[in-house]
C-alpha atoms as a PDB file:
ATOM      1  CA  MET A   1     -10.411 -13.969  31.177  1.00  0.00           C
ATOM      2  CA  VAL A   2      -8.037 -12.239  28.780  1.00  0.00           C
ATOM      3  CA  LYS A   3      -4.563 -13.715  29.021  1.00  0.00           C
ATOM      4  CA  ALA A   4      -2.029 -11.052  29.935  1.00  0.00           C
ATOM      5  CA  ILE A   5       0.427 -10.231  27.161  1.00  0.00           C
ATOM      6  CA  LYS A   6       4.017  -9.664  28.233  1.00  0.00           C
ATOM      7  CA  LYS A   7       6.012  -9.527  24.991  1.00  0.00           C
ATOM      8  CA  ILE A   8       4.866  -8.289  21.572  1.00  0.00           C
ATOM      9  CA  GLY A   9       6.590  -9.077  18.292  1.00  0.00           C
ATOM     10  CA  VAL A  10       6.322  -6.583  15.436  1.00  0.00           C
ATOM     11  CA  LEU A  11       7.136  -7.282  11.785  1.00  0.00           C
ATOM     12  CA  THR A  12       6.768  -5.768   8.332  1.00  0.00           C
ATOM     13  CA  SER A  13       6.056  -8.028   5.386  1.00  0.00           C
ATOM     14  CA  GLY A  14       5.281  -7.804   1.680  1.00  0.00           C
ATOM     15  CA  GLY A  15       6.123  -4.672  -0.272  1.00  0.00           C
ATOM     16  CA  ASP A  16       7.538  -1.770   1.706  1.00  0.00           C
ATOM     17  CA  ALA A  17       5.402   1.342   2.093  1.00  0.00           C
ATOM     18  CA  PRO A  18       6.132   4.840   3.456  1.00  0.00           C
ATOM     19  CA  GLY A  19       4.773   5.012   6.987  1.00  0.00           C
ATOM     20  CA  MET A  20       5.879   1.543   8.081  1.00  0.00           C
ATOM     21  CA  ASN A  21       8.627   2.998  10.265  1.00  0.00           C
ATOM     22  CA  ALA A  22       6.206   5.434  11.876  1.00  0.00           C
ATOM     23  CA  CYS A  23       3.962   2.467  12.662  1.00  0.00           C
ATOM     24  CA  ILE A  24       6.839   0.439  14.135  1.00  0.00           C
ATOM     25  CA  ARG A  25       7.659   3.441  16.331  1.00  0.00           C
ATOM     26  CA  ALA A  26       4.079   3.657  17.572  1.00  0.00           C
ATOM     27  CA  VAL A  27       3.901  -0.074  18.335  1.00  0.00           C
ATOM     28  CA  VAL A  28       7.165  -0.020  20.275  1.00  0.00           C
ATOM     29  CA  ARG A  29       6.408   3.068  22.330  1.00  0.00           C
ATOM     30  CA  THR A  30       2.783   2.143  23.032  1.00  0.00           C
ATOM     31  CA  GLY A  31       3.861  -1.333  24.097  1.00  0.00           C
ATOM     32  CA  ILE A  32       6.509   0.063  26.444  1.00  0.00           C
ATOM     33  CA  TYR A  33       4.009   2.564  27.876  1.00  0.00           C
ATOM     34  CA  LEU A  34       1.661  -0.338  28.681  1.00  0.00           C
ATOM     35  CA  GLY A  35       4.442  -2.276  30.391  1.00  0.00           C
ATOM     36  CA  LYS A  36       5.195  -4.734  27.564  1.00  0.00           C
ATOM     37  CA  GLU A  37       8.466  -5.827  26.042  1.00  0.00           C
ATOM     38  CA  VAL A  38       8.641  -5.358  22.285  1.00  0.00           C
ATOM     39  CA  VAL A  39      10.720  -7.446  19.877  1.00  0.00           C
ATOM     40  CA  GLY A  40      11.382  -6.551  16.257  1.00  0.00           C
ATOM     41  CA  ILE A  41      11.251  -9.460  13.796  1.00  0.00           C
ATOM     42  CA  LYS A  42      13.579  -8.776  10.895  1.00  0.00           C
ATOM     43  CA  GLN A  43      12.711  -9.702   7.303  1.00  0.00           C
ATOM     44  CA  GLY A  44       9.094 -10.544   8.055  1.00  0.00           C
ATOM     45  CA  TYR A  45       8.054 -14.186   8.214  1.00  0.00           C
ATOM     46  CA  GLN A  46      11.486 -15.257   6.962  1.00  0.00           C
ATOM     47  CA  GLY A  47      12.977 -13.720  10.073  1.00  0.00           C
ATOM     48  CA  MET A  48      10.409 -15.523  12.195  1.00  0.00           C
ATOM     49  CA  VAL A  49      11.486 -18.841  10.666  1.00  0.00           C
ATOM     50  CA  ASP A  50      15.196 -17.985  10.952  1.00  0.00           C
ATOM     51  CA  ARG A  51      14.802 -16.464  14.447  1.00  0.00           C
ATOM     52  CA  LYS A  52      16.012 -12.987  13.541  1.00  0.00           C
ATOM     53  CA  PHE A  53      14.769 -11.155  16.614  1.00  0.00           C
ATOM     54  CA  VAL A  54      15.957  -7.860  18.076  1.00  0.00           C
ATOM     55  CA  ASN A  55      14.855  -6.320  21.368  1.00  0.00           C
ATOM     56  CA  MET A  56      13.490  -2.817  20.893  1.00  0.00           C
ATOM     57  CA  ASP A  57      13.247   0.083  23.291  1.00  0.00           C
ATOM     58  CA  SER A  58      12.135   3.682  22.958  1.00  0.00           C
ATOM     59  CA  HIS A  59      15.585   4.782  21.823  1.00  0.00           C
ATOM     60  CA  SER A  60      15.705   2.161  19.035  1.00  0.00           C
ATOM     61  CA  VAL A  61      12.881   3.930  17.210  1.00  0.00           C
ATOM     62  CA  CYS A  62      14.240   7.467  17.533  1.00  0.00           C
ATOM     63  CA  ASN A  63      14.452   9.468  14.291  1.00  0.00           C
ATOM     64  CA  ILE A  64      12.649   6.925  12.100  1.00  0.00           C
ATOM     65  CA  ILE A  65       9.204   8.519  11.757  1.00  0.00           C
ATOM     66  CA  GLN A  66      10.391  10.466   8.684  1.00  0.00           C
ATOM     67  CA  LEU A  67      12.076   7.507   6.954  1.00  0.00           C
ATOM     68  CA  GLY A  68      10.615   5.560   4.032  1.00  0.00           C
ATOM     69  CA  GLY A  69      11.025   1.808   3.728  1.00  0.00           C
ATOM     70  CA  THR A  70      11.217  -0.294   6.884  1.00  0.00           C
ATOM     71  CA  ILE A  71      14.031  -0.577   9.411  1.00  0.00           C
ATOM     72  CA  LEU A  72      12.916  -4.158  10.097  1.00  0.00           C
ATOM     73  CA  LYS A  73      13.216  -4.986   6.385  1.00  0.00           C
ATOM     74  CA  THR A  74      10.961  -7.383   4.514  1.00  0.00           C
ATOM     75  CA  ALA A  75      11.328 -10.594   2.519  1.00  0.00           C
ATOM     76  CA  ARG A  76       9.328 -13.359   0.880  1.00  0.00           C
ATOM     77  CA  CYS A  77       9.225 -16.696   2.705  1.00  0.00           C
ATOM     78  CA  ASP A  78       8.107 -19.803   0.831  1.00  0.00           C
ATOM     79  CA  GLU A  79       8.744 -21.973   3.905  1.00  0.00           C
ATOM     80  CA  PHE A  80       6.165 -20.017   5.910  1.00  0.00           C
ATOM     81  CA  ARG A  81       3.523 -20.956   3.329  1.00  0.00           C
ATOM     82  CA  THR A  82       3.683 -24.539   4.671  1.00  0.00           C
ATOM     83  CA  TYR A  83       2.289 -25.778   7.976  1.00  0.00           C
ATOM     84  CA  GLU A  84       5.730 -27.050   8.965  1.00  0.00           C
ATOM     85  CA  GLY A  85       7.245 -23.631   8.310  1.00  0.00           C
ATOM     86  CA  ARG A  86       4.616 -21.884  10.429  1.00  0.00           C
ATOM     87  CA  GLN A  87       5.111 -24.460  13.183  1.00  0.00           C
ATOM     88  CA  LYS A  88       8.845 -23.727  13.181  1.00  0.00           C
ATOM     89  CA  ALA A  89       8.115 -19.992  13.326  1.00  0.00           C
ATOM     90  CA  TYR A  90       5.726 -20.469  16.251  1.00  0.00           C
ATOM     91  CA  LYS A  91       8.279 -22.528  18.203  1.00  0.00           C
ATOM     92  CA  ASN A  92      10.819 -19.725  17.679  1.00  0.00           C
ATOM     93  CA  LEU A  93       8.314 -17.185  18.985  1.00  0.00           C
ATOM     94  CA  LYS A  94       7.687 -19.268  22.112  1.00  0.00           C
ATOM     95  CA  LYS A  95      11.425 -19.693  22.735  1.00  0.00           C
ATOM     96  CA  GLU A  96      11.735 -15.920  22.607  1.00  0.00           C
ATOM     97  CA  GLY A  97       8.755 -15.488  24.917  1.00  0.00           C
ATOM     98  CA  ILE A  98       6.732 -13.592  22.303  1.00  0.00           C
ATOM     99  CA  ASP A  99       3.035 -14.077  23.057  1.00  0.00           C
ATOM    100  CA  ALA A 100       1.403 -11.643  20.594  1.00  0.00           C
ATOM    101  CA  LEU A 101       2.125 -10.129  17.184  1.00  0.00           C
ATOM    102  CA  VAL A 102       1.563  -6.931  15.229  1.00  0.00           C
ATOM    103  CA  ALA A 103       1.997  -7.569  11.497  1.00  0.00           C
ATOM    104  CA  ILE A 104       2.248  -4.619   9.082  1.00  0.00           C
ATOM    105  CA  GLY A 105       1.661  -5.318   5.391  1.00  0.00           C
ATOM    106  CA  GLY A 106      -0.851  -6.281   2.719  1.00  0.00           C
ATOM    107  CA  ASP A 107      -3.183  -9.199   2.033  1.00  0.00           C
ATOM    108  CA  GLY A 108      -0.342 -11.730   1.837  1.00  0.00           C
ATOM    109  CA  THR A 109       0.860 -10.596   5.255  1.00  0.00           C
ATOM    110  CA  PHE A 110      -2.691 -10.831   6.577  1.00  0.00           C
ATOM    111  CA  THR A 111      -3.135 -14.359   5.215  1.00  0.00           C
ATOM    112  CA  GLY A 112       0.050 -15.581   6.901  1.00  0.00           C
ATOM    113  CA  ALA A 113      -0.850 -13.905  10.196  1.00  0.00           C
ATOM    114  CA  GLU A 114      -4.382 -15.335  10.188  1.00  0.00           C
ATOM    115  CA  LEU A 115      -3.128 -18.871   9.548  1.00  0.00           C
ATOM    116  CA  LEU A 116      -0.441 -18.664  12.236  1.00  0.00           C
ATOM    117  CA  SER A 117      -2.888 -17.285  14.785  1.00  0.00           C
ATOM    118  CA  ARG A 118      -5.620 -19.824  14.029  1.00  0.00           C
ATOM    119  CA  GLU A 119      -3.289 -22.835  13.961  1.00  0.00           C
ATOM    120  CA  PHE A 120      -1.288 -21.994  17.092  1.00  0.00           C
ATOM    121  CA  ASP A 121      -3.594 -19.713  19.060  1.00  0.00           C
ATOM    122  CA  ILE A 122      -1.316 -16.695  19.214  1.00  0.00           C
ATOM    123  CA  PRO A 123      -3.004 -13.254  19.232  1.00  0.00           C
ATOM    124  CA  VAL A 124      -2.380 -11.216  16.081  1.00  0.00           C
ATOM    125  CA  ILE A 125      -3.419  -7.733  15.005  1.00  0.00           C
ATOM    126  CA  CYS A 126      -2.613  -6.530  11.480  1.00  0.00           C
ATOM    127  CA  VAL A 127      -1.999  -3.017  10.154  1.00  0.00           C
ATOM    128  CA  PRO A 128      -2.683  -2.280   6.446  1.00  0.00           C
ATOM    129  CA  GLY A 129       0.621  -1.204   4.916  1.00  0.00           C
ATOM    130  CA  THR A 130       0.559  -1.013   1.107  1.00  0.00           C
ATOM    131  CA  ILE A 131       0.605   1.824  -1.411  1.00  0.00           C
ATOM    132  CA  ASP A 132      -2.136   0.028  -3.404  1.00  0.00           C
ATOM    133  CA  ASN A 133      -4.915   1.040  -0.971  1.00  0.00           C
ATOM    134  CA  ASP A 134      -6.773  -2.162  -1.842  1.00  0.00           C
ATOM    135  CA  LEU A 135      -7.653  -3.684   1.544  1.00  0.00           C
ATOM    136  CA  TYR A 136     -11.241  -3.951   2.706  1.00  0.00           C
ATOM    137  CA  GLY A 137     -11.902  -2.341   6.084  1.00  0.00           C
ATOM    138  CA  SER A 138      -9.801   0.812   5.826  1.00  0.00           C
ATOM    139  CA  ASP A 139     -10.385   3.969   3.805  1.00  0.00           C
ATOM    140  CA  PHE A 140      -6.634   4.441   3.520  1.00  0.00           C
ATOM    141  CA  THR A 141      -3.572   2.207   3.867  1.00  0.00           C
ATOM    142  CA  LEU A 142      -0.066   3.215   4.931  1.00  0.00           C
ATOM    143  CA  GLY A 143       1.922   4.682   2.056  1.00  0.00           C
ATOM    144  CA  TYR A 144      -0.979   5.413  -0.264  1.00  0.00           C
ATOM    145  CA  ASP A 145      -0.993   9.162   0.309  1.00  0.00           C
ATOM    146  CA  THR A 146       2.787   9.386  -0.085  1.00  0.00           C
ATOM    147  CA  ALA A 147       2.708   7.359  -3.318  1.00  0.00           C
ATOM    148  CA  ASN A 148      -0.006   9.652  -4.676  1.00  0.00           C
ATOM    149  CA  ASN A 149       2.073  12.720  -3.960  1.00  0.00           C
ATOM    150  CA  THR A 150       5.107  11.125  -5.614  1.00  0.00           C
ATOM    151  CA  VAL A 151       3.081  10.407  -8.753  1.00  0.00           C
ATOM    152  CA  ILE A 152       1.550  13.886  -8.811  1.00  0.00           C
ATOM    153  CA  GLU A 153       5.001  15.460  -8.597  1.00  0.00           C
ATOM    154  CA  ALA A 154       6.142  13.316 -11.534  1.00  0.00           C
ATOM    155  CA  ILE A 155       3.032  14.219 -13.567  1.00  0.00           C
ATOM    156  CA  ASP A 156       3.619  17.935 -12.973  1.00  0.00           C
ATOM    157  CA  LYS A 157       7.210  17.678 -14.163  1.00  0.00           C
ATOM    158  CA  ILE A 158       6.313  15.588 -17.197  1.00  0.00           C
ATOM    159  CA  ARG A 159       3.563  18.070 -18.034  1.00  0.00           C
ATOM    160  CA  ASP A 160       6.206  20.796 -18.370  1.00  0.00           C
ATOM    161  CA  THR A 161       8.221  18.915 -20.958  1.00  0.00           C
ATOM    162  CA  ALA A 162       5.096  17.584 -22.723  1.00  0.00           C
ATOM    163  CA  ALA A 163       3.826  21.118 -23.271  1.00  0.00           C
ATOM    164  CA  SER A 164       7.239  22.335 -24.392  1.00  0.00           C
ATOM    165  CA  HIS A 165       7.543  19.683 -27.115  1.00  0.00           C
ATOM    166  CA  ASP A 166       3.909  19.014 -28.131  1.00  0.00           C
ATOM    167  CA  ARG A 167       4.159  15.503 -26.766  1.00  0.00           C
ATOM    168  CA  LEU A 168       1.706  12.809 -25.728  1.00  0.00           C
ATOM    169  CA  PHE A 169       2.891  11.024 -22.575  1.00  0.00           C
ATOM    170  CA  PHE A 170       1.689   7.673 -21.284  1.00  0.00           C
ATOM    171  CA  ILE A 171       2.528   7.310 -17.586  1.00  0.00           C
ATOM    172  CA  GLU A 172       2.151   3.889 -15.951  1.00  0.00           C
ATOM    173  CA  VAL A 173       1.626   3.793 -12.193  1.00  0.00           C
ATOM    174  CA  MET A 174       1.604   0.957  -9.666  1.00  0.00           C
ATOM    175  CA  GLY A 175      -1.334  -0.515  -7.815  1.00  0.00           C
ATOM    176  CA  ARG A 176      -1.391  -4.174  -8.884  1.00  0.00           C
ATOM    177  CA  ASP A 177      -5.096  -4.848  -9.580  1.00  0.00           C
ATOM    178  CA  SER A 178      -6.226  -1.595  -7.983  1.00  0.00           C
ATOM    179  CA  GLY A 179      -6.645   1.694  -9.834  1.00  0.00           C
ATOM    180  CA  CYS A 180      -6.618   3.856  -6.687  1.00  0.00           C
ATOM    181  CA  ILE A 181      -3.291   5.569  -7.375  1.00  0.00           C
ATOM    182  CA  ALA A 182      -4.100   6.053 -11.055  1.00  0.00           C
ATOM    183  CA  LEU A 183      -7.509   7.582 -10.311  1.00  0.00           C
ATOM    184  CA  TRP A 184      -6.478   9.914  -7.509  1.00  0.00           C
ATOM    185  CA  ALA A 185      -3.138  11.021  -8.956  1.00  0.00           C
ATOM    186  CA  GLY A 186      -4.567  11.283 -12.470  1.00  0.00           C
ATOM    187  CA  THR A 187      -7.391  13.474 -11.224  1.00  0.00           C
ATOM    188  CA  ALA A 188      -5.075  15.652  -9.160  1.00  0.00           C
ATOM    189  CA  GLY A 189      -2.596  15.906 -12.039  1.00  0.00           C
ATOM    190  CA  GLY A 190      -5.217  16.899 -14.618  1.00  0.00           C
ATOM    191  CA  ALA A 191      -4.624  13.887 -16.861  1.00  0.00           C
ATOM    192  CA  GLU A 192      -6.485  13.864 -20.172  1.00  0.00           C
ATOM    193  CA  ALA A 193      -7.395  10.196 -19.706  1.00  0.00           C
ATOM    194  CA  ILE A 194      -7.089   7.560 -16.964  1.00  0.00           C
ATOM    195  CA  LEU A 195      -7.130   3.808 -17.677  1.00  0.00           C
ATOM    196  CA  LEU A 196      -8.228   1.663 -14.720  1.00  0.00           C
ATOM    197  CA  PRO A 197      -8.571  -2.086 -14.055  1.00  0.00           C
ATOM    198  CA  GLU A 198     -12.018  -1.393 -12.556  1.00  0.00           C
ATOM    199  CA  LYS A 199     -13.342   0.297 -15.696  1.00  0.00           C
ATOM    200  CA  ASP A 200     -13.184  -1.036 -19.247  1.00  0.00           C
ATOM    201  CA  THR A 201     -11.792   1.655 -21.520  1.00  0.00           C
ATOM    202  CA  GLY A 202     -11.112   0.342 -25.002  1.00  0.00           C
ATOM    203  CA  ILE A 203      -8.360   1.704 -27.208  1.00  0.00           C
ATOM    204  CA  GLU A 204     -10.959   3.160 -29.561  1.00  0.00           C
ATOM    205  CA  ASP A 205     -12.569   5.041 -26.658  1.00  0.00           C
ATOM    206  CA  LEU A 206      -9.167   6.430 -25.697  1.00  0.00           C
ATOM    207  CA  ILE A 207      -8.421   7.460 -29.287  1.00  0.00           C
ATOM    208  CA  GLN A 208     -11.756   9.283 -29.527  1.00  0.00           C
ATOM    209  CA  LYS A 209     -10.979  11.196 -26.354  1.00  0.00           C
ATOM    210  CA  LEU A 210      -7.540  12.159 -27.628  1.00  0.00           C
ATOM    211  CA  GLU A 211      -9.011  13.171 -30.986  1.00  0.00           C
ATOM    212  CA  LYS A 212     -11.350  15.582 -29.229  1.00  0.00           C
ATOM    213  CA  GLY A 213      -8.350  17.090 -27.473  1.00  0.00           C
ATOM    214  CA  ALA A 214      -6.475  17.436 -30.751  1.00  0.00           C
ATOM    215  CA  ASP A 215      -9.519  19.075 -32.371  1.00  0.00           C
ATOM    216  CA  SER A 216      -9.617  21.628 -29.565  1.00  0.00           C
ATOM    217  CA  ASN A 217      -5.946  22.465 -30.274  1.00  0.00           C
ATOM    218  CA  LYS A 218      -4.436  20.726 -27.257  1.00  0.00           C
ATOM    219  CA  SER A 219      -0.724  20.653 -27.967  1.00  0.00           C
ATOM    220  CA  SER A 220       0.080  18.024 -25.344  1.00  0.00           C
ATOM    221  CA  SER A 221      -1.708  15.330 -23.382  1.00  0.00           C
ATOM    222  CA  ILE A 222      -1.018  12.981 -20.494  1.00  0.00           C
ATOM    223  CA  VAL A 223      -2.639   9.565 -20.114  1.00  0.00           C
ATOM    224  CA  ILE A 224      -2.353   7.733 -16.783  1.00  0.00           C
ATOM    225  CA  ILE A 225      -2.430   3.933 -16.967  1.00  0.00           C
ATOM    226  CA  ALA A 226      -2.753   1.656 -13.949  1.00  0.00           C
ATOM    227  CA  GLU A 227      -0.396  -1.320 -14.227  1.00  0.00           C
ATOM    228  CA  GLY A 228      -3.350  -3.717 -13.936  1.00  0.00           C
ATOM    229  CA  ASP A 229      -5.316  -2.145 -16.787  1.00  0.00           C
ATOM    230  CA  LYS A 230      -6.655  -4.782 -19.171  1.00  0.00           C
ATOM    231  CA  ASN A 231      -5.254  -3.075 -22.299  1.00  0.00           C
ATOM    232  CA  GLY A 232      -1.786  -4.450 -21.615  1.00  0.00           C
ATOM    233  CA  GLY A 233       0.319  -1.678 -20.105  1.00  0.00           C
ATOM    234  CA  ALA A 234       1.651   1.693 -21.181  1.00  0.00           C
ATOM    235  CA  TYR A 235       4.015   0.521 -23.931  1.00  0.00           C
ATOM    236  CA  HIS A 236       1.342  -1.566 -25.640  1.00  0.00           C
ATOM    237  CA  VAL A 237      -1.264   1.193 -25.426  1.00  0.00           C
ATOM    238  CA  ALA A 238       1.228   3.767 -26.735  1.00  0.00           C
ATOM    239  CA  LYS A 239       2.041   1.547 -29.714  1.00  0.00           C
ATOM    240  CA  LEU A 240      -1.636   1.212 -30.659  1.00  0.00           C
ATOM    241  CA  VAL A 241      -2.315   4.936 -30.259  1.00  0.00           C
ATOM    242  CA  LYS A 242       0.797   5.857 -32.279  1.00  0.00           C
ATOM    243  CA  GLU A 243      -0.739   4.153 -35.313  1.00  0.00           C
ATOM    244  CA  LYS A 244      -3.558   6.702 -35.157  1.00  0.00           C
ATOM    245  CA  PHE A 245      -1.688   9.868 -34.114  1.00  0.00           C
ATOM    246  CA  GLN A 246       1.367  10.081 -36.332  1.00  0.00           C
ATOM    247  CA  PHE A 247       1.700  13.817 -35.632  1.00  0.00           C
ATOM    248  CA  TYR A 248       2.150  13.320 -31.873  1.00  0.00           C
ATOM    249  CA  ASP A 249       5.602  12.729 -30.415  1.00  0.00           C
ATOM    250  CA  ILE A 250       4.628   9.869 -28.075  1.00  0.00           C
ATOM    251  CA  LYS A 251       6.638   9.038 -24.953  1.00  0.00           C
ATOM    252  CA  VAL A 252       6.202   6.421 -22.220  1.00  0.00           C
ATOM    253  CA  THR A 253       7.205   6.730 -18.562  1.00  0.00           C
ATOM    254  CA  ILE A 254       7.011   3.785 -16.149  1.00  0.00           C
ATOM    255  CA  LEU A 255       7.262   5.223 -12.643  1.00  0.00           C
ATOM    256  CA  GLY A 256       7.733   1.786 -11.063  1.00  0.00           C
ATOM    257  CA  HIS A 257       9.224   1.418  -7.597  1.00  0.00           C
ATOM    258  CA  LEU A 258       9.916   5.125  -7.377  1.00  0.00           C
ATOM    259  CA  GLN A 259       6.381   5.248  -5.955  1.00  0.00           C
ATOM    260  CA  ARG A 260       7.207   2.990  -3.009  1.00  0.00           C
ATOM    261  CA  GLY A 261      10.045   5.075  -1.602  1.00  0.00           C
ATOM    262  CA  GLY A 262      10.466   8.462  -0.049  1.00  0.00           C
ATOM    263  CA  SER A 263       9.718  10.206   3.205  1.00  0.00           C
ATOM    264  CA  PRO A 264       6.087   9.658   4.272  1.00  0.00           C
ATOM    265  CA  THR A 265       3.682  12.575   4.142  1.00  0.00           C
ATOM    266  CA  SER A 266       2.200  14.095   7.276  1.00  0.00           C
ATOM    267  CA  PHE A 267      -1.017  12.162   6.594  1.00  0.00           C
ATOM    268  CA  ASP A 268       0.812   8.817   6.412  1.00  0.00           C
ATOM    269  CA  ARG A 269       2.844   9.559   9.555  1.00  0.00           C
ATOM    270  CA  VAL A 270      -0.267  10.331  11.570  1.00  0.00           C
ATOM    271  CA  LEU A 271      -2.209   7.396  10.090  1.00  0.00           C
ATOM    272  CA  ALA A 272       0.660   5.004  10.854  1.00  0.00           C
ATOM    273  CA  SER A 273       0.953   6.306  14.406  1.00  0.00           C
ATOM    274  CA  ARG A 274      -2.788   5.964  15.019  1.00  0.00           C
ATOM    275  CA  LEU A 275      -2.942   2.422  13.673  1.00  0.00           C
ATOM    276  CA  GLY A 276       0.228   1.252  15.435  1.00  0.00           C
ATOM    277  CA  TYR A 277      -1.101   2.596  18.738  1.00  0.00           C
ATOM    278  CA  ALA A 278      -4.534   1.053  18.087  1.00  0.00           C
ATOM    279  CA  ALA A 279      -2.989  -2.344  17.256  1.00  0.00           C
ATOM    280  CA  VAL A 280      -1.291  -2.610  20.643  1.00  0.00           C
ATOM    281  CA  LYS A 281      -4.405  -1.367  22.447  1.00  0.00           C
ATOM    282  CA  ALA A 282      -6.453  -4.010  20.633  1.00  0.00           C
ATOM    283  CA  LEU A 283      -4.084  -6.772  21.781  1.00  0.00           C
ATOM    284  CA  GLU A 284      -4.272  -5.415  25.333  1.00  0.00           C
ATOM    285  CA  ALA A 285      -8.078  -5.610  25.138  1.00  0.00           C
ATOM    286  CA  GLY A 286      -7.942  -9.287  24.109  1.00  0.00           C
ATOM    287  CA  GLU A 287      -8.637  -8.854  20.383  1.00  0.00           C
ATOM    288  CA  THR A 288      -7.042 -11.170  17.846  1.00  0.00           C
ATOM    289  CA  ARG A 289      -7.150 -11.928  14.120  1.00  0.00           C
ATOM    290  CA  LYS A 290      -8.301  -8.389  13.397  1.00  0.00           C
ATOM    291  CA  MET A 291      -7.113  -5.557  11.175  1.00  0.00           C
ATOM    292  CA  VAL A 292      -7.014  -2.028  12.535  1.00  0.00           C
ATOM    293  CA  GLY A 293      -8.154   0.423   9.881  1.00  0.00           C
ATOM    294  CA  ILE A 294      -9.461   3.935   9.478  1.00  0.00           C
ATOM    295  CA  ARG A 295     -13.079   4.451   8.390  1.00  0.00           C
ATOM    296  CA  GLY A 296     -14.724   7.850   8.447  1.00  0.00           C
ATOM    297  CA  ASN A 297     -11.653   9.150  10.320  1.00  0.00           C
ATOM    298  CA  ARG A 298     -12.276   6.696  13.160  1.00  0.00           C
ATOM    299  CA  VAL A 299     -10.236   3.600  14.001  1.00  0.00           C
ATOM    300  CA  LYS A 300     -12.224   0.422  13.355  1.00  0.00           C
ATOM    301  CA  LEU A 301     -11.493  -3.294  13.691  1.00  0.00           C
ATOM    302  CA  THR A 302     -12.228  -5.741  10.869  1.00  0.00           C
ATOM    303  CA  ASP A 303     -11.929  -9.532  11.016  1.00  0.00           C
ATOM    304  CA  LEU A 304      -8.862 -10.640   9.074  1.00  0.00           C
ATOM    305  CA  VAL A 305     -10.805 -13.245   7.107  1.00  0.00           C
ATOM    306  CA  GLU A 306     -13.324 -10.585   6.067  1.00  0.00           C
ATOM    307  CA  SER A 307     -10.570  -8.177   5.067  1.00  0.00           C
ATOM    308  CA  ILE A 308      -8.751 -10.842   3.041  1.00  0.00           C
ATOM    309  CA  ASN A 309     -11.776 -12.337   1.296  1.00  0.00           C
ATOM    310  CA  ASN A 310     -14.087  -9.361   0.825  1.00  0.00           C
ATOM    311  CA  ASN A 311     -14.054  -8.275  -2.806  1.00  0.00           C
ATOM    312  CA  SER A 312     -16.429  -5.361  -2.370  1.00  0.00           C
ATOM    313  CA  PHE A 313     -13.634  -2.780  -2.254  1.00  0.00           C
ATOM    314  CA  LYS A 314     -14.404  -0.440  -5.134  1.00  0.00           C
ATOM    315  CA  LEU A 315     -13.254   2.894  -6.436  1.00  0.00           C
ATOM    316  CA  GLU A 316     -15.503   5.855  -5.757  1.00  0.00           C
ATOM    317  CA  GLU A 317     -18.093   5.991  -8.548  1.00  0.00           C
ATOM    318  CA  ASP A 318     -18.476   9.764  -8.246  1.00  0.00           C
ATOM    319  CA  LEU A 319     -14.721  10.272  -8.535  1.00  0.00           C
ATOM    320  CA  MET A 320     -14.533   8.129 -11.683  1.00  0.00           C
ATOM    321  CA  GLU A 321     -17.422  10.054 -13.251  1.00  0.00           C
ATOM    322  CA  MET A 322     -15.954  13.396 -12.218  1.00  0.00           C
ATOM    323  CA  SER A 323     -12.508  12.578 -13.621  1.00  0.00           C
ATOM    324  CA  THR A 324     -14.114  11.803 -16.986  1.00  0.00           C
ATOM    325  CA  ILE A 325     -16.081  15.031 -17.034  1.00  0.00           C
ATOM    326  CA  LEU A 326     -13.136  17.216 -16.051  1.00  0.00           C
ATOM    327  CA  THR A 327     -10.974  15.900 -18.912  1.00  0.00           C
ATOM    328  CA  ILE A 328     -13.238  17.259 -21.688  1.00  0.00           C
END
């Protein structure tokens, strides 16, 4: 028989992502609707270790669906990486009467949740919250769409000044080891070249592409570089290209953490609400150590271990080929 859950803890961990607050709202209100108490755990696993708990009701999540960041905040916790730290966290949960968890975050969050659940037999459901969109088991993660739109807006504005001054801009975007943001935003922004961790593009290949643009009288160009690209980042690439194109006024823009903030898009608000609702429903049904994700516009469950360890997440081959063709 499925053990009845009375009190659910919800936390956000790892890097913040637009949509986390919308997800918290969905968890709280779905839990209350199903007759559960819901407790917010502040500062992620650090708050679990330090017992930073706050009771949440429907009113406590009013007017947060449109906010970026996370009202529960997030922090790194080295102590939680140890068995003793997780044991302390579990004892704090039991003292508070928390008998299930919803954890919102990335692969580090998932790893901590899986260990805690397996070692101390507490039900856990995870929600993918990261702008990197690099978790197996979900087509999209919370914050990815918003980050893309932020980057596209920046590209459009930089394009204006690049064209006005005959400049070559190198724009570096986030994504850790994933080129999702670079590929999607670069395609949508009409970039002349996109450098991705998943695809080897040598400096000579890039120079040849830019030479073709110069030969066709392009007065300005924009190159999007994912931060995990193997060529060494935007400044290094710009330096190497400058040696070849003395006539170009070359500029570098690192968008950085600008991409993690801002009000979530409609897509991210709906996605976050769906996954937060589904997480609580999964706990109610007796599921544990699973990630709720969206695949083919349907909510699906994936084992946490599979989501953490599966390296088959790849960029769309057709999109990579198309982006190359459309830049000629």
